[in-house]
Amino acid sequence: MSASDPVADMLTKVRNAAVARHEKVDIPASKLKLEIVKILKTEGYIKNFKKVQEDGHPIIRIILKYDDSNNPVIHGVKKISTPGRRVYSGYKELPRVFNGYGTIIVSTSSGVTTGKKASEKMVGGELICSIW
């Protein structure tokens, strides 16, 4: 089945796998998804990831991260921009997620980055999602 919003599909798979306490989750690969997964890794929401070929199709295998009491590190994910409603923000108006405890992912002219780094670079862009 083809998804109309592949990024939302990826975020839903990651959220559902974390709630179900799965060790890993596989998602179809794309450049945008790979950049988002790299941010999730650097921000500490996932353990690791790798890009592999399965049945001739590139996939991203994400290894999920849990705390000492086996609770998922990812508490919630919210998609902000959708195919029917794009949401843009300047660097001065970038929203904060749970007063700085969460992360917002932004697609800027200089690539996909976190809201904090976009503010430092003084660039705005499309708000992809927030994660906490």
N, C-alpha and C. Protein backbone atom coordinates (compact mmCIF):
# COMPACT_ATOMS: atom_id res chain seq x y z
N MET A 1 0.84 -1.18 0.00
CA MET A 1 0.00 0.00 0.00
C MET A 1 0.88 1.24 0.00
N SER A 2 0.54 2.18 -0.81
CA SER A 2 1.31 3.41 -0.92
C SER A 2 0.75 4.46 0.03
N ALA A 3 1.63 5.09 0.79
CA ALA A 3 1.21 6.12 1.73
C ALA A 3 1.28 7.49 1.07
N SER A 4 0.31 8.34 1.37
CA SER A 4 0.34 9.68 0.79
C SER A 4 1.33 10.58 1.54
N ASP A 5 1.66 10.22 2.77
CA ASP A 5 2.64 10.97 3.55
C ASP A 5 3.65 9.98 4.15
N PRO A 6 4.74 9.70 3.42
CA PRO A 6 5.70 8.69 3.88
C PRO A 6 6.38 9.03 5.21
N VAL A 7 6.59 10.33 5.48
CA VAL A 7 7.24 10.71 6.74
C VAL A 7 6.30 10.43 7.92
N ALA A 8 5.02 10.74 7.77
CA ALA A 8 4.06 10.44 8.83
C ALA A 8 3.95 8.93 9.04
N ASP A 9 4.02 8.17 7.97
CA ASP A 9 3.99 6.71 8.06
C ASP A 9 5.20 6.21 8.85
N MET A 10 6.39 6.77 8.56
CA MET A 10 7.60 6.39 9.28
C MET A 10 7.49 6.72 10.76
N LEU A 11 7.02 7.92 11.09
CA LEU A 11 6.90 8.32 12.49
C LEU A 11 5.90 7.44 13.23
N THR A 12 4.81 7.06 12.56
CA THR A 12 3.81 6.19 13.17
C THR A 12 4.39 4.81 13.44
N LYS A 13 5.17 4.28 12.49
CA LYS A 13 5.79 2.97 12.70
C LYS A 13 6.76 3.00 13.88
N VAL A 14 7.55 4.07 13.99
CA VAL A 14 8.51 4.19 15.10
C VAL A 14 7.76 4.30 16.43
N ARG A 15 6.72 5.13 16.48
CA ARG A 15 5.94 5.30 17.71
C ARG A 15 5.28 4.00 18.13
N ASN A 16 4.66 3.30 17.18
CA ASN A 16 3.97 2.04 17.49
C ASN A 16 4.96 0.97 17.94
N ALA A 17 6.12 0.90 17.30
CA ALA A 17 7.13 -0.09 17.69
C ALA A 17 7.65 0.19 19.10
N ALA A 18 7.81 1.46 19.44
CA ALA A 18 8.29 1.81 20.78
C ALA A 18 7.25 1.45 21.84
N VAL A 19 5.98 1.73 21.57
CA VAL A 19 4.92 1.40 22.52
C VAL A 19 4.80 -0.11 22.69
N ALA A 20 5.01 -0.87 21.60
CA ALA A 20 4.93 -2.33 21.66
C ALA A 20 6.23 -2.96 22.16
N ARG A 21 7.23 -2.15 22.52
CA ARG A 21 8.52 -2.59 23.06
C ARG A 21 9.31 -3.47 22.09
N HIS A 22 9.21 -3.17 20.78
CA HIS A 22 10.00 -3.91 19.80
C HIS A 22 11.45 -3.46 19.87
N GLU A 23 12.35 -4.37 19.50
CA GLU A 23 13.77 -4.03 19.51
C GLU A 23 14.13 -3.15 18.33
N LYS A 24 13.53 -3.43 17.17
CA LYS A 24 13.86 -2.69 15.95
C LYS A 24 12.62 -2.54 15.08
N VAL A 25 12.73 -1.60 14.12
CA VAL A 25 11.65 -1.39 13.16
C VAL A 25 12.28 -1.07 11.81
N ASP A 26 11.70 -1.62 10.74
CA ASP A 26 12.19 -1.37 9.38
C ASP A 26 11.23 -0.43 8.66
N ILE A 27 11.81 0.56 7.98
CA ILE A 27 11.00 1.49 7.19
C ILE A 27 11.62 1.64 5.81
N PRO A 28 10.82 1.88 4.77
CA PRO A 28 11.39 2.11 3.44
C PRO A 28 12.28 3.36 3.46
N ALA A 29 13.39 3.30 2.75
CA ALA A 29 14.38 4.38 2.81
C ALA A 29 14.07 5.50 1.82
N SER A 30 14.40 6.72 2.23
CA SER A 30 14.43 7.89 1.36
C SER A 30 15.43 8.86 1.98
N LYS A 31 15.85 9.85 1.22
CA LYS A 31 16.84 10.81 1.73
C LYS A 31 16.30 11.59 2.92
N LEU A 32 15.04 12.05 2.83
CA LEU A 32 14.44 12.82 3.92
C LEU A 32 14.31 11.98 5.18
N LYS A 33 13.83 10.74 5.04
CA LYS A 33 13.69 9.85 6.20
C LYS A 33 15.03 9.58 6.84
N LEU A 34 16.07 9.39 6.02
CA LEU A 34 17.41 9.13 6.54
C LEU A 34 17.91 10.32 7.35
N GLU A 35 17.66 11.53 6.88
CA GLU A 35 18.08 12.73 7.62
C GLU A 35 17.33 12.85 8.94
N ILE A 36 16.04 12.53 8.94
CA ILE A 36 15.26 12.57 10.18
C ILE A 36 15.78 11.54 11.17
N VAL A 37 16.09 10.34 10.69
CA VAL A 37 16.61 9.28 11.56
C VAL A 37 17.97 9.67 12.13
N LYS A 38 18.81 10.34 11.33
CA LYS A 38 20.11 10.81 11.84
C LYS A 38 19.91 11.80 12.99
N ILE A 39 18.91 12.67 12.87
CA ILE A 39 18.62 13.62 13.95
C ILE A 39 18.13 12.87 15.19
N LEU A 40 17.26 11.87 15.00
CA LEU A 40 16.78 11.08 16.14
C LEU A 40 17.95 10.41 16.86
N LYS A 41 18.95 9.97 16.12
CA LYS A 41 20.13 9.33 16.71
C LYS A 41 20.96 10.34 17.49
N THR A 42 21.25 11.51 16.88
CA THR A 42 22.09 12.50 17.56
C THR A 42 21.39 13.10 18.78
N GLU A 43 20.06 13.18 18.75
CA GLU A 43 19.33 13.72 19.90
C GLU A 43 19.09 12.67 20.98
N GLY A 44 19.43 11.40 20.71
CA GLY A 44 19.34 10.36 21.73
C GLY A 44 18.00 9.66 21.84
N TYR A 45 17.16 9.76 20.81
CA TYR A 45 15.86 9.09 20.85
C TYR A 45 15.91 7.65 20.38
N ILE A 46 16.92 7.27 19.60
CA ILE A 46 17.08 5.89 19.16
C ILE A 46 18.52 5.45 19.44
N LYS A 47 18.72 4.13 19.54
CA LYS A 47 20.06 3.59 19.79
C LYS A 47 20.94 3.73 18.57
N ASN A 48 20.45 3.21 17.44
CA ASN A 48 21.25 3.19 16.22
C ASN A 48 20.35 2.94 15.03
N PHE A 49 20.93 3.02 13.85
CA PHE A 49 20.21 2.73 12.62
C PHE A 49 21.22 2.29 11.58
N LYS A 50 20.74 1.61 10.55
CA LYS A 50 21.59 1.32 9.40
C LYS A 50 20.72 1.15 8.17
N LYS A 51 21.30 1.50 7.04
CA LYS A 51 20.60 1.39 5.77
C LYS A 51 21.01 0.06 5.15
N VAL A 52 20.02 -0.79 4.84
CA VAL A 52 20.28 -2.11 4.28
C VAL A 52 19.38 -2.34 3.07
N GLN A 53 19.75 -3.35 2.28
CA GLN A 53 18.93 -3.78 1.14
C GLN A 53 18.17 -5.03 1.55
N GLU A 54 16.88 -5.04 1.30
CA GLU A 54 16.07 -6.22 1.58
C GLU A 54 15.16 -6.46 0.38
N ASP A 55 15.32 -7.62 -0.26
CA ASP A 55 14.57 -7.96 -1.47
C ASP A 55 14.75 -6.91 -2.57
N GLY A 56 15.94 -6.35 -2.65
CA GLY A 56 16.24 -5.37 -3.69
C GLY A 56 15.76 -3.96 -3.39
N HIS A 57 15.14 -3.74 -2.21
CA HIS A 57 14.64 -2.41 -1.85
C HIS A 57 15.45 -1.87 -0.68
N PRO A 58 15.85 -0.59 -0.73
CA PRO A 58 16.59 -0.02 0.41
C PRO A 58 15.64 0.24 1.58
N ILE A 59 16.06 -0.17 2.77
CA ILE A 59 15.28 0.09 3.98
C ILE A 59 16.21 0.67 5.04
N ILE A 60 15.61 1.35 5.99
CA ILE A 60 16.34 1.85 7.16
C ILE A 60 15.90 1.01 8.35
N ARG A 61 16.85 0.35 8.98
CA ARG A 61 16.56 -0.47 10.16
C ARG A 61 16.91 0.37 11.40
N ILE A 62 15.90 0.68 12.19
CA ILE A 62 16.08 1.53 13.37
C ILE A 62 16.05 0.65 14.62
N ILE A 63 17.10 0.76 15.44
CA ILE A 63 17.15 0.05 16.72
C ILE A 63 16.66 1.03 17.78
N LEU A 64 15.57 0.68 18.44
CA LEU A 64 14.93 1.58 19.40
C LEU A 64 15.66 1.60 20.73
N LYS A 65 15.47 2.67 21.48
CA LYS A 65 16.17 2.87 22.75
C LYS A 65 15.16 2.87 23.89
N TYR A 66 15.53 2.19 24.98
CA TYR A 66 14.68 2.12 26.18
C TYR A 66 15.50 2.49 27.40
N ASP A 67 14.84 2.98 28.45
CA ASP A 67 15.56 3.33 29.67
C ASP A 67 15.77 2.08 30.53
N ASP A 68 16.28 2.28 31.75
CA ASP A 68 16.62 1.15 32.62
C ASP A 68 15.41 0.32 33.01
N SER A 69 14.22 0.94 33.13
CA SER A 69 13.02 0.18 33.48
C SER A 69 12.21 -0.23 32.25
N ASN A 70 12.87 -0.31 31.09
CA ASN A 70 12.29 -0.78 29.83
C ASN A 70 11.14 0.09 29.33
N ASN A 71 11.18 1.38 29.64
CA ASN A 71 10.22 2.33 29.08
C ASN A 71 10.83 2.98 27.85
N PRO A 72 10.05 3.19 26.80
CA PRO A 72 10.63 3.78 25.58
C PRO A 72 11.10 5.22 25.83
N VAL A 73 12.21 5.58 25.21
CA VAL A 73 12.74 6.94 25.31
C VAL A 73 11.81 7.89 24.55
N ILE A 74 11.22 7.42 23.46
CA ILE A 74 10.28 8.23 22.69
C ILE A 74 8.91 8.16 23.36
N HIS A 75 8.48 9.29 23.93
CA HIS A 75 7.18 9.34 24.60
C HIS A 75 6.08 9.74 23.63
N GLY A 76 6.41 10.56 22.65
CA GLY A 76 5.40 10.99 21.70
C GLY A 76 6.02 11.61 20.47
N VAL A 77 5.29 11.53 19.37
CA VAL A 77 5.71 12.10 18.10
C VAL A 77 4.49 12.77 17.48
N LYS A 78 4.66 13.99 16.99
CA LYS A 78 3.54 14.68 16.36
C LYS A 78 3.99 15.25 15.03
N LYS A 79 3.30 14.88 13.96
CA LYS A 79 3.57 15.42 12.63
C LYS A 79 2.96 16.80 12.56
N ILE A 80 3.71 17.79 12.09
CA ILE A 80 3.21 19.16 12.03
C ILE A 80 2.75 19.49 10.61
N SER A 81 3.65 19.42 9.63
CA SER A 81 3.27 19.67 8.23
C SER A 81 2.68 18.41 7.63
N THR A 82 1.63 18.57 6.84
CA THR A 82 1.03 17.46 6.12
C THR A 82 0.99 17.81 4.65
N PRO A 83 0.75 16.85 3.77
CA PRO A 83 0.68 17.17 2.35
C PRO A 83 -0.41 18.21 2.02
N GLY A 84 -1.48 18.23 2.79
CA GLY A 84 -2.56 19.18 2.53
C GLY A 84 -2.39 20.51 3.23
N ARG A 85 -1.50 20.57 4.20
CA ARG A 85 -1.31 21.80 4.98
C ARG A 85 0.15 21.92 5.41
N ARG A 86 0.91 22.65 4.65
CA ARG A 86 2.32 22.87 4.98
C ARG A 86 2.43 23.99 6.01
N VAL A 87 3.30 23.79 7.00
CA VAL A 87 3.48 24.78 8.06
C VAL A 87 4.93 25.25 8.01
N TYR A 88 5.09 26.56 7.86
CA TYR A 88 6.42 27.17 7.80
C TYR A 88 6.60 28.12 8.97
N SER A 89 7.86 28.36 9.33
CA SER A 89 8.14 29.27 10.43
C SER A 89 9.49 29.93 10.20
N GLY A 90 9.58 31.18 10.58
CA GLY A 90 10.87 31.87 10.57
C GLY A 90 11.67 31.43 11.79
N TYR A 91 12.95 31.75 11.80
CA TYR A 91 13.80 31.26 12.89
C TYR A 91 13.43 31.90 14.22
N LYS A 92 12.86 33.10 14.21
CA LYS A 92 12.48 33.76 15.46
C LYS A 92 11.21 33.17 16.06
N GLU A 93 10.35 32.57 15.23
CA GLU A 93 9.08 32.05 15.69
C GLU A 93 9.05 30.53 15.84
N LEU A 94 10.21 29.88 15.77
CA LEU A 94 10.21 28.40 15.87
C LEU A 94 9.66 27.98 17.23
N PRO A 95 8.68 27.08 17.24
CA PRO A 95 8.09 26.66 18.52
C PRO A 95 9.04 25.78 19.33
N ARG A 96 8.82 25.77 20.64
CA ARG A 96 9.58 24.89 21.53
C ARG A 96 8.68 23.74 21.94
N VAL A 97 9.26 22.57 22.09
CA VAL A 97 8.50 21.38 22.46
C VAL A 97 8.71 21.12 23.94
N PHE A 98 7.64 21.15 24.70
CA PHE A 98 7.69 20.93 26.15
C PHE A 98 8.79 21.75 26.82
N ASN A 99 8.79 23.03 26.50
CA ASN A 99 9.70 24.00 27.10
C ASN A 99 11.17 23.60 26.94
N GLY A 100 11.49 23.00 25.81
CA GLY A 100 12.88 22.64 25.52
C GLY A 100 13.23 21.19 25.79
N TYR A 101 12.31 20.41 26.38
CA TYR A 101 12.61 19.00 26.64
C TYR A 101 12.43 18.13 25.41
N GLY A 102 11.68 18.59 24.44
CA GLY A 102 11.48 17.87 23.20
C GLY A 102 12.31 18.49 22.09
N THR A 103 12.15 17.94 20.90
CA THR A 103 12.89 18.41 19.73
C THR A 103 11.93 18.64 18.59
N ILE A 104 12.13 19.73 17.86
CA ILE A 104 11.36 19.98 16.65
C ILE A 104 12.29 19.80 15.47
N ILE A 105 11.83 19.12 14.42
CA ILE A 105 12.65 18.87 13.23
C ILE A 105 12.15 19.78 12.12
N VAL A 106 13.09 20.52 11.52
CA VAL A 106 12.76 21.54 10.53
C VAL A 106 13.52 21.26 9.24
N SER A 107 12.82 21.40 8.10
CA SER A 107 13.47 21.30 6.80
C SER A 107 13.79 22.72 6.34
N THR A 108 15.07 23.07 6.31
CA THR A 108 15.50 24.41 5.95
C THR A 108 16.19 24.39 4.59
N SER A 109 16.56 25.57 4.12
CA SER A 109 17.29 25.66 2.85
C SER A 109 18.68 25.06 2.98
N SER A 110 19.19 24.93 4.20
CA SER A 110 20.50 24.32 4.41
C SER A 110 20.40 22.89 4.90
N GLY A 111 19.25 22.25 4.69
CA GLY A 111 19.08 20.84 5.04
C GLY A 111 18.13 20.64 6.20
N VAL A 112 17.91 19.39 6.56
CA VAL A 112 17.03 19.03 7.66
C VAL A 112 17.82 19.14 8.95
N THR A 113 17.26 19.84 9.93
CA THR A 113 17.96 20.09 11.18
C THR A 113 16.96 20.23 12.33
N THR A 114 17.47 20.39 13.54
CA THR A 114 16.60 20.61 14.69
C THR A 114 16.25 22.10 14.77
N GLY A 115 15.22 22.40 15.52
CA GLY A 115 14.81 23.79 15.69
C GLY A 115 15.87 24.62 16.37
N LYS A 116 16.58 24.02 17.31
CA LYS A 116 17.64 24.74 18.04
C LYS A 116 18.78 25.15 17.09
N LYS A 117 19.21 24.21 16.24
CA LYS A 117 20.29 24.51 15.29
C LYS A 117 19.82 25.49 14.22
N ALA A 118 18.55 25.40 13.81
CA ALA A 118 18.01 26.34 12.83
C ALA A 118 18.01 27.75 13.40
N SER A 119 17.67 27.90 14.68
CA SER A 119 17.69 29.21 15.31
C SER A 119 19.11 29.76 15.38
N GLU A 120 20.08 28.88 15.70
CA GLU A 120 21.47 29.32 15.76
C GLU A 120 21.99 29.77 14.40
N LYS A 121 21.57 29.05 13.33
CA LYS A 121 21.98 29.41 11.97
C LYS A 121 21.15 30.56 11.41
N MET A 122 20.09 30.93 12.14
CA MET A 122 19.18 32.00 11.73
C MET A 122 18.49 31.68 10.40
N VAL A 123 17.98 30.43 10.28
CA VAL A 123 17.20 30.03 9.12
C VAL A 123 15.89 29.42 9.58
N GLY A 124 14.82 29.69 8.87
CA GLY A 124 13.53 29.09 9.13
C GLY A 124 13.26 28.02 8.09
N GLY A 125 12.06 27.49 8.10
CA GLY A 125 11.73 26.48 7.11
C GLY A 125 10.44 25.78 7.45
N GLU A 126 10.24 24.62 6.84
CA GLU A 126 9.02 23.84 7.05
C GLU A 126 9.17 23.00 8.31
N LEU A 127 8.17 23.08 9.19
CA LEU A 127 8.17 22.30 10.42
C LEU A 127 7.70 20.88 10.10
N ILE A 128 8.58 19.90 10.23
CA ILE A 128 8.24 18.53 9.87
C ILE A 128 7.50 17.84 11.01
N CYS A 129 8.14 17.77 12.18
CA CYS A 129 7.51 17.07 13.30
C CYS A 129 8.14 17.52 14.61
N SER A 130 7.47 17.16 15.70
CA SER A 130 8.04 17.35 17.03
C SER A 130 8.09 15.99 17.71
N ILE A 131 9.10 15.81 18.55
CA ILE A 131 9.29 14.54 19.23
C ILE A 131 9.70 14.83 20.67
N TRP A 132 9.18 14.03 21.59
CA TRP A 132 9.53 14.21 22.98
C TRP A 132 9.56 12.88 23.69
